[in-house]
Amino acid sequence: MVEANNKKVKDLKAYRTIRSIQSLKLKKHTRINRIHILLDLYECADKSIGKASLLEQRIKKVLNQFQLEPKIQTFYQFQPFGVTAIVGAQGIQFTMHTWPEYNSAAVDLYCFNSRKVAMQICDQIRNVLKSSEYEMKVKRR
């Protein structure tokens, strides 16, 4: 029993904590191709923002256009209204929360692919939800 515990401790020591860019041996100016988009959608005319099952169909349809198959996904229906969606696919992390009572939604998209793909996904989400007004913040990481 003692040997088993010692083995676990040794295994844990094999992991190291990374506290800085220097410990990763990356230079400060090294860019990793990532983009983070915060998208607030207003005046959404699509009924899917109020139903998790409809929103799931719409989101998956958009991701399929870019050959992105969801590996992790959750679509949660709040009561009396609202949906939270969390999707992880090859190269993206996508979260969304909707407020159907205000016809609005908030999207958080973190993309490891290209800026072009990330922007196209956001445009498709906007079109699918029929949003007439939006605010987008884009950050390169």
N, C-alpha and C. Protein backbone atom coordinates (compact mmCIF):
# COMPACT_ATOMS: atom_id res chain seq x y z
N MET A 1 0.83 -1.20 0.00
CA MET A 1 0.00 0.00 0.00
C MET A 1 0.87 1.26 0.00
N VAL A 2 1.92 1.25 0.81
CA VAL A 2 2.82 2.41 0.89
C VAL A 2 3.52 2.62 -0.43
N GLU A 3 3.93 1.53 -1.09
CA GLU A 3 4.60 1.65 -2.38
C GLU A 3 3.67 2.26 -3.43
N ALA A 4 2.38 1.88 -3.39
CA ALA A 4 1.40 2.44 -4.33
C ALA A 4 1.26 3.94 -4.13
N ASN A 5 1.21 4.39 -2.88
CA ASN A 5 1.11 5.82 -2.59
C ASN A 5 2.35 6.56 -3.05
N ASN A 6 3.54 5.97 -2.83
CA ASN A 6 4.79 6.59 -3.26
C ASN A 6 4.83 6.71 -4.78
N LYS A 7 4.32 5.69 -5.47
CA LYS A 7 4.30 5.74 -6.92
C LYS A 7 3.43 6.90 -7.42
N LYS A 8 2.28 7.12 -6.76
CA LYS A 8 1.40 8.22 -7.14
C LYS A 8 2.09 9.56 -6.95
N VAL A 9 2.79 9.70 -5.84
CA VAL A 9 3.51 10.95 -5.57
C VAL A 9 4.57 11.18 -6.62
N LYS A 10 5.30 10.15 -7.01
CA LYS A 10 6.32 10.27 -8.04
C LYS A 10 5.69 10.66 -9.37
N ASP A 11 4.52 10.06 -9.69
CA ASP A 11 3.84 10.41 -10.94
C ASP A 11 3.45 11.88 -10.95
N LEU A 12 2.98 12.39 -9.80
CA LEU A 12 2.60 13.79 -9.73
C LEU A 12 3.79 14.71 -9.89
N LYS A 13 4.95 14.28 -9.42
CA LYS A 13 6.15 15.10 -9.55
C LYS A 13 6.60 15.21 -11.00
N ALA A 14 6.14 14.29 -11.84
CA ALA A 14 6.50 14.34 -13.25
C ALA A 14 5.85 15.54 -13.95
N TYR A 15 4.74 16.03 -13.42
CA TYR A 15 4.08 17.20 -13.98
C TYR A 15 4.79 18.45 -13.48
N ARG A 16 4.90 19.43 -14.35
CA ARG A 16 5.54 20.66 -13.91
C ARG A 16 4.59 21.83 -14.09
N THR A 17 4.73 22.80 -13.25
CA THR A 17 3.92 23.99 -13.33
C THR A 17 4.62 25.00 -14.21
N ILE A 18 3.88 25.55 -15.15
CA ILE A 18 4.45 26.55 -16.05
C ILE A 18 4.00 27.91 -15.55
N ARG A 19 4.94 28.73 -15.16
CA ARG A 19 4.61 30.02 -14.58
C ARG A 19 4.93 31.20 -15.49
N SER A 20 5.62 30.97 -16.58
CA SER A 20 5.97 32.09 -17.45
C SER A 20 6.21 31.61 -18.87
N ILE A 21 6.25 32.57 -19.77
CA ILE A 21 6.54 32.26 -21.16
C ILE A 21 7.96 31.69 -21.29
N GLN A 22 8.88 32.18 -20.46
CA GLN A 22 10.26 31.71 -20.53
C GLN A 22 10.33 30.22 -20.23
N SER A 23 9.50 29.73 -19.30
CA SER A 23 9.55 28.31 -18.97
C SER A 23 9.03 27.46 -20.13
N LEU A 24 8.24 28.05 -21.02
CA LEU A 24 7.78 27.34 -22.21
C LEU A 24 8.80 27.44 -23.34
N LYS A 25 9.83 28.24 -23.12
CA LYS A 25 10.87 28.48 -24.12
C LYS A 25 10.31 29.13 -25.38
N LEU A 26 9.33 29.99 -25.19
CA LEU A 26 8.80 30.80 -26.28
C LEU A 26 9.28 32.22 -26.10
N LYS A 27 9.51 32.89 -27.18
CA LYS A 27 9.88 34.29 -27.10
C LYS A 27 8.61 35.12 -26.98
N LYS A 28 8.71 36.28 -26.38
CA LYS A 28 7.54 37.13 -26.17
C LYS A 28 6.85 37.49 -27.48
N HIS A 29 7.60 37.65 -28.54
CA HIS A 29 7.01 38.07 -29.81
C HIS A 29 6.45 36.88 -30.60
N THR A 30 6.61 35.65 -30.09
CA THR A 30 6.06 34.48 -30.78
C THR A 30 4.54 34.54 -30.73
N ARG A 31 3.92 34.45 -31.89
CA ARG A 31 2.46 34.51 -31.97
C ARG A 31 1.91 33.12 -32.22
N ILE A 32 0.95 32.76 -31.40
CA ILE A 32 0.21 31.53 -31.62
C ILE A 32 -1.09 31.95 -32.28
N ASN A 33 -1.46 31.30 -33.35
CA ASN A 33 -2.61 31.72 -34.15
C ASN A 33 -3.92 31.42 -33.41
N ARG A 34 -4.38 32.40 -32.63
CA ARG A 34 -5.63 32.26 -31.90
C ARG A 34 -6.41 33.56 -32.01
N ILE A 35 -7.73 33.45 -31.96
CA ILE A 35 -8.57 34.64 -31.98
C ILE A 35 -9.74 34.43 -31.03
N HIS A 36 -10.08 35.49 -30.32
CA HIS A 36 -11.17 35.44 -29.35
C HIS A 36 -12.19 36.51 -29.76
N ILE A 37 -13.43 36.07 -29.99
CA ILE A 37 -14.48 36.99 -30.43
C ILE A 37 -15.62 36.98 -29.42
N LEU A 38 -16.01 38.17 -29.00
CA LEU A 38 -17.21 38.36 -28.18
C LEU A 38 -18.24 39.03 -29.08
N LEU A 39 -19.38 38.38 -29.23
CA LEU A 39 -20.41 38.85 -30.15
C LEU A 39 -21.72 38.98 -29.40
N ASP A 40 -22.24 40.20 -29.33
CA ASP A 40 -23.55 40.45 -28.72
C ASP A 40 -24.55 40.69 -29.84
N LEU A 41 -25.60 39.88 -29.85
CA LEU A 41 -26.62 39.96 -30.88
C LEU A 41 -27.90 40.55 -30.30
N TYR A 42 -28.48 41.50 -31.03
CA TYR A 42 -29.71 42.16 -30.60
C TYR A 42 -30.76 42.04 -31.70
N GLU A 43 -32.01 42.23 -31.33
CA GLU A 43 -33.12 42.19 -32.30
C GLU A 43 -33.13 40.87 -33.08
N CYS A 44 -32.91 39.75 -32.38
CA CYS A 44 -32.94 38.43 -33.03
C CYS A 44 -34.38 38.05 -33.33
N ALA A 45 -34.65 37.75 -34.59
CA ALA A 45 -36.01 37.42 -35.02
C ALA A 45 -36.27 35.92 -35.07
N ASP A 46 -35.25 35.10 -34.83
CA ASP A 46 -35.42 33.66 -34.92
C ASP A 46 -35.93 33.08 -33.60
N LYS A 47 -36.88 32.16 -33.66
CA LYS A 47 -37.49 31.57 -32.47
C LYS A 47 -36.56 30.58 -31.76
N SER A 48 -35.48 30.18 -32.41
CA SER A 48 -34.59 29.18 -31.82
C SER A 48 -33.87 29.68 -30.57
N ILE A 49 -33.80 30.98 -30.36
CA ILE A 49 -33.09 31.47 -29.17
C ILE A 49 -33.84 31.14 -27.88
N GLY A 50 -35.09 30.69 -28.00
CA GLY A 50 -35.86 30.33 -26.82
C GLY A 50 -35.96 28.84 -26.57
N LYS A 51 -35.52 28.01 -27.50
CA LYS A 51 -35.64 26.56 -27.36
C LYS A 51 -34.30 25.89 -27.62
N ALA A 52 -33.86 25.10 -26.65
CA ALA A 52 -32.55 24.45 -26.73
C ALA A 52 -32.46 23.51 -27.93
N SER A 53 -33.50 22.76 -28.20
CA SER A 53 -33.45 21.79 -29.31
C SER A 53 -33.31 22.49 -30.66
N LEU A 54 -34.03 23.60 -30.85
CA LEU A 54 -33.91 24.35 -32.11
C LEU A 54 -32.55 25.02 -32.24
N LEU A 55 -32.07 25.59 -31.15
CA LEU A 55 -30.76 26.25 -31.17
C LEU A 55 -29.65 25.23 -31.47
N GLU A 56 -29.77 24.04 -30.91
CA GLU A 56 -28.79 22.99 -31.17
C GLU A 56 -28.73 22.67 -32.66
N GLN A 57 -29.88 22.54 -33.30
CA GLN A 57 -29.91 22.26 -34.74
C GLN A 57 -29.24 23.36 -35.53
N ARG A 58 -29.53 24.61 -35.19
CA ARG A 58 -28.99 25.75 -35.92
C ARG A 58 -27.46 25.84 -35.76
N ILE A 59 -26.99 25.69 -34.53
CA ILE A 59 -25.55 25.79 -34.26
C ILE A 59 -24.80 24.67 -34.97
N LYS A 60 -25.30 23.45 -34.88
CA LYS A 60 -24.64 22.32 -35.54
C LYS A 60 -24.62 22.50 -37.06
N LYS A 61 -25.68 23.07 -37.61
CA LYS A 61 -25.72 23.31 -39.06
C LYS A 61 -24.62 24.29 -39.47
N VAL A 62 -24.44 25.34 -38.68
CA VAL A 62 -23.38 26.32 -38.98
C VAL A 62 -22.01 25.66 -38.88
N LEU A 63 -21.77 24.90 -37.82
CA LEU A 63 -20.46 24.27 -37.65
C LEU A 63 -20.18 23.24 -38.74
N ASN A 64 -21.22 22.53 -39.18
CA ASN A 64 -21.04 21.55 -40.26
C ASN A 64 -20.61 22.22 -41.56
N GLN A 65 -21.01 23.46 -41.79
CA GLN A 65 -20.60 24.18 -43.00
C GLN A 65 -19.08 24.36 -43.05
N PHE A 66 -18.44 24.35 -41.88
CA PHE A 66 -17.00 24.53 -41.79
C PHE A 66 -16.28 23.22 -41.45
N GLN A 67 -16.96 22.10 -41.64
CA GLN A 67 -16.44 20.77 -41.34
C GLN A 67 -15.96 20.66 -39.89
N LEU A 68 -16.70 21.27 -38.97
CA LEU A 68 -16.38 21.21 -37.55
C LEU A 68 -17.41 20.31 -36.87
N GLU A 69 -16.95 19.15 -36.43
CA GLU A 69 -17.83 18.21 -35.76
C GLU A 69 -17.71 18.40 -34.25
N PRO A 70 -18.82 18.70 -33.56
CA PRO A 70 -18.76 18.88 -32.11
C PRO A 70 -18.27 17.63 -31.39
N LYS A 71 -17.28 17.79 -30.54
CA LYS A 71 -16.77 16.69 -29.72
C LYS A 71 -17.39 16.74 -28.32
N ILE A 72 -17.61 17.95 -27.84
CA ILE A 72 -18.25 18.17 -26.54
C ILE A 72 -19.37 19.17 -26.79
N GLN A 73 -20.55 18.88 -26.25
CA GLN A 73 -21.65 19.82 -26.46
C GLN A 73 -22.67 19.72 -25.33
N THR A 74 -23.20 20.86 -24.96
CA THR A 74 -24.28 20.94 -23.98
C THR A 74 -25.19 22.07 -24.42
N PHE A 75 -26.47 21.79 -24.44
CA PHE A 75 -27.49 22.80 -24.72
C PHE A 75 -28.48 22.71 -23.57
N TYR A 76 -28.49 23.73 -22.71
CA TYR A 76 -29.31 23.70 -21.51
C TYR A 76 -30.46 24.69 -21.61
N GLN A 77 -31.66 24.20 -21.37
CA GLN A 77 -32.87 25.03 -21.41
C GLN A 77 -33.15 25.55 -20.01
N PHE A 78 -33.13 26.87 -19.84
CA PHE A 78 -33.50 27.48 -18.57
C PHE A 78 -35.00 27.67 -18.52
N GLN A 79 -35.55 27.70 -17.32
CA GLN A 79 -36.97 27.96 -17.13
C GLN A 79 -37.13 29.29 -16.43
N PRO A 80 -37.98 30.17 -16.83
CA PRO A 80 -38.99 30.01 -17.86
C PRO A 80 -38.45 30.16 -19.28
N PHE A 81 -37.28 30.81 -19.47
CA PHE A 81 -36.75 30.95 -20.82
C PHE A 81 -35.26 31.19 -20.78
N GLY A 82 -34.64 31.03 -21.94
CA GLY A 82 -33.20 31.20 -22.08
C GLY A 82 -32.51 29.87 -22.32
N VAL A 83 -31.43 29.92 -23.08
CA VAL A 83 -30.66 28.72 -23.42
C VAL A 83 -29.18 29.05 -23.27
N THR A 84 -28.43 28.10 -22.72
CA THR A 84 -26.98 28.19 -22.73
C THR A 84 -26.44 27.04 -23.56
N ALA A 85 -25.55 27.37 -24.48
CA ALA A 85 -24.94 26.37 -25.36
C ALA A 85 -23.44 26.40 -25.16
N ILE A 86 -22.85 25.21 -25.05
CA ILE A 86 -21.40 25.07 -24.95
C ILE A 86 -20.99 23.99 -25.95
N VAL A 87 -20.10 24.34 -26.86
CA VAL A 87 -19.67 23.40 -27.89
C VAL A 87 -18.15 23.46 -28.02
N GLY A 88 -17.54 22.31 -28.01
CA GLY A 88 -16.11 22.19 -28.27
C GLY A 88 -15.93 21.33 -29.50
N ALA A 89 -15.26 21.85 -30.49
CA ALA A 89 -14.99 21.11 -31.73
C ALA A 89 -13.52 21.27 -32.06
N GLN A 90 -13.08 20.61 -33.10
CA GLN A 90 -11.69 20.68 -33.51
C GLN A 90 -11.31 22.13 -33.81
N GLY A 91 -10.57 22.75 -32.91
CA GLY A 91 -10.06 24.09 -33.16
C GLY A 91 -10.91 25.23 -32.66
N ILE A 92 -12.08 24.95 -32.04
CA ILE A 92 -12.89 26.05 -31.51
C ILE A 92 -13.50 25.69 -30.16
N GLN A 93 -13.76 26.74 -29.41
CA GLN A 93 -14.58 26.67 -28.20
C GLN A 93 -15.67 27.70 -28.39
N PHE A 94 -16.91 27.27 -28.29
CA PHE A 94 -18.05 28.13 -28.59
C PHE A 94 -19.01 28.09 -27.42
N THR A 95 -19.37 29.26 -26.89
CA THR A 95 -20.41 29.34 -25.87
C THR A 95 -21.40 30.42 -26.27
N MET A 96 -22.65 30.21 -25.85
CA MET A 96 -23.71 31.16 -26.16
C MET A 96 -24.75 31.14 -25.06
N HIS A 97 -25.26 32.29 -24.73
CA HIS A 97 -26.41 32.38 -23.84
C HIS A 97 -27.44 33.29 -24.50
N THR A 98 -28.70 32.89 -24.40
CA THR A 98 -29.76 33.67 -25.04
C THR A 98 -30.71 34.25 -24.01
N TRP A 99 -31.27 35.39 -24.37
CA TRP A 99 -32.33 36.04 -23.59
C TRP A 99 -33.50 36.28 -24.54
N PRO A 100 -34.37 35.27 -24.71
CA PRO A 100 -35.47 35.43 -25.67
C PRO A 100 -36.44 36.54 -25.30
N GLU A 101 -36.55 36.83 -24.01
CA GLU A 101 -37.45 37.91 -23.59
C GLU A 101 -36.97 39.27 -24.09
N TYR A 102 -35.69 39.39 -24.41
CA TYR A 102 -35.12 40.63 -24.95
C TYR A 102 -34.67 40.46 -26.40
N ASN A 103 -34.93 39.30 -26.99
CA ASN A 103 -34.51 38.99 -28.36
C ASN A 103 -33.01 39.21 -28.55
N SER A 104 -32.23 38.74 -27.60
CA SER A 104 -30.78 38.93 -27.70
C SER A 104 -30.03 37.68 -27.29
N ALA A 105 -28.75 37.66 -27.68
CA ALA A 105 -27.88 36.53 -27.36
C ALA A 105 -26.44 37.04 -27.25
N ALA A 106 -25.64 36.31 -26.49
CA ALA A 106 -24.22 36.63 -26.35
C ALA A 106 -23.42 35.40 -26.76
N VAL A 107 -22.43 35.61 -27.63
CA VAL A 107 -21.60 34.52 -28.14
C VAL A 107 -20.16 34.79 -27.75
N ASP A 108 -19.47 33.74 -27.32
CA ASP A 108 -18.05 33.79 -27.01
C ASP A 108 -17.40 32.70 -27.84
N LEU A 109 -16.59 33.10 -28.81
CA LEU A 109 -15.95 32.14 -29.72
C LEU A 109 -14.44 32.27 -29.60
N TYR A 110 -13.78 31.18 -29.26
CA TYR A 110 -12.33 31.13 -29.19
C TYR A 110 -11.89 30.15 -30.26
N CYS A 111 -11.12 30.63 -31.22
CA CYS A 111 -10.79 29.83 -32.40
C CYS A 111 -9.28 29.68 -32.53
N PHE A 112 -8.85 28.45 -32.76
CA PHE A 112 -7.43 28.15 -32.95
C PHE A 112 -7.08 28.04 -34.42
N ASN A 113 -8.08 28.12 -35.28
CA ASN A 113 -7.85 27.99 -36.73
C ASN A 113 -7.41 29.33 -37.29
N SER A 114 -8.23 29.92 -38.09
CA SER A 114 -7.87 31.19 -38.70
C SER A 114 -8.89 32.27 -38.35
N ARG A 115 -8.44 33.50 -38.48
CA ARG A 115 -9.32 34.63 -38.23
C ARG A 115 -10.50 34.61 -39.21
N LYS A 116 -10.21 34.25 -40.45
CA LYS A 116 -11.24 34.22 -41.49
C LYS A 116 -12.36 33.24 -41.12
N VAL A 117 -12.00 32.04 -40.68
CA VAL A 117 -12.99 31.04 -40.28
C VAL A 117 -13.82 31.54 -39.10
N ALA A 118 -13.16 32.13 -38.10
CA ALA A 118 -13.86 32.64 -36.92
C ALA A 118 -14.87 33.72 -37.31
N MET A 119 -14.47 34.63 -38.18
CA MET A 119 -15.38 35.70 -38.61
C MET A 119 -16.55 35.14 -39.42
N GLN A 120 -16.27 34.14 -40.25
CA GLN A 120 -17.33 33.52 -41.04
C GLN A 120 -18.34 32.79 -40.15
N ILE A 121 -17.86 32.13 -39.11
CA ILE A 121 -18.76 31.45 -38.16
C ILE A 121 -19.66 32.48 -37.50
N CYS A 122 -19.09 33.59 -37.07
CA CYS A 122 -19.89 34.64 -36.42
C CYS A 122 -20.92 35.23 -37.39
N ASP A 123 -20.53 35.45 -38.62
CA ASP A 123 -21.47 35.96 -39.62
C ASP A 123 -22.63 34.98 -39.83
N GLN A 124 -22.31 33.69 -39.90
CA GLN A 124 -23.35 32.69 -40.08
C GLN A 124 -24.30 32.63 -38.88
N ILE A 125 -23.75 32.72 -37.68
CA ILE A 125 -24.58 32.72 -36.46
C ILE A 125 -25.52 33.93 -36.48
N ARG A 126 -24.97 35.08 -36.86
CA ARG A 126 -25.79 36.30 -36.96
C ARG A 126 -26.93 36.11 -37.96
N ASN A 127 -26.61 35.53 -39.12
CA ASN A 127 -27.63 35.31 -40.16
C ASN A 127 -28.67 34.29 -39.72
N VAL A 128 -28.24 33.21 -39.09
CA VAL A 128 -29.17 32.17 -38.66
C VAL A 128 -30.14 32.70 -37.61
N LEU A 129 -29.64 33.53 -36.70
CA LEU A 129 -30.51 34.08 -35.64
C LEU A 129 -31.24 35.34 -36.08
N LYS A 130 -31.00 35.75 -37.31
CA LYS A 130 -31.67 36.91 -37.92
C LYS A 130 -31.52 38.16 -37.04
N SER A 131 -30.29 38.41 -36.65
CA SER A 131 -29.99 39.57 -35.81
C SER A 131 -29.81 40.82 -36.67
N SER A 132 -30.59 41.85 -36.35
CA SER A 132 -30.48 43.08 -37.13
C SER A 132 -29.44 44.05 -36.55
N GLU A 133 -29.09 43.86 -35.28
CA GLU A 133 -28.06 44.69 -34.65
C GLU A 133 -27.09 43.79 -33.90
N TYR A 134 -25.81 44.19 -33.91
CA TYR A 134 -24.83 43.40 -33.18
C TYR A 134 -23.65 44.27 -32.78
N GLU A 135 -22.89 43.76 -31.82
CA GLU A 135 -21.64 44.40 -31.39
C GLU A 135 -20.61 43.28 -31.30
N MET A 136 -19.44 43.51 -31.92
CA MET A 136 -18.41 42.47 -31.95
C MET A 136 -17.10 43.04 -31.45
N LYS A 137 -16.44 42.27 -30.58
CA LYS A 137 -15.11 42.62 -30.10
C LYS A 137 -14.19 41.46 -30.47
N VAL A 138 -13.07 41.80 -31.11
CA VAL A 138 -12.14 40.79 -31.59
C VAL A 138 -10.79 41.03 -30.92
N LYS A 139 -10.21 39.94 -30.39
CA LYS A 139 -8.92 40.03 -29.73
C LYS A 139 -8.02 38.91 -30.25
N ARG A 140 -6.84 39.28 -30.76
CA ARG A 140 -5.84 38.27 -31.13
C ARG A 140 -5.13 37.83 -29.87
N ARG A 141 -4.87 36.56 -29.75
CA ARG A 141 -4.20 36.04 -28.56
C ARG A 141 -2.86 35.47 -28.95
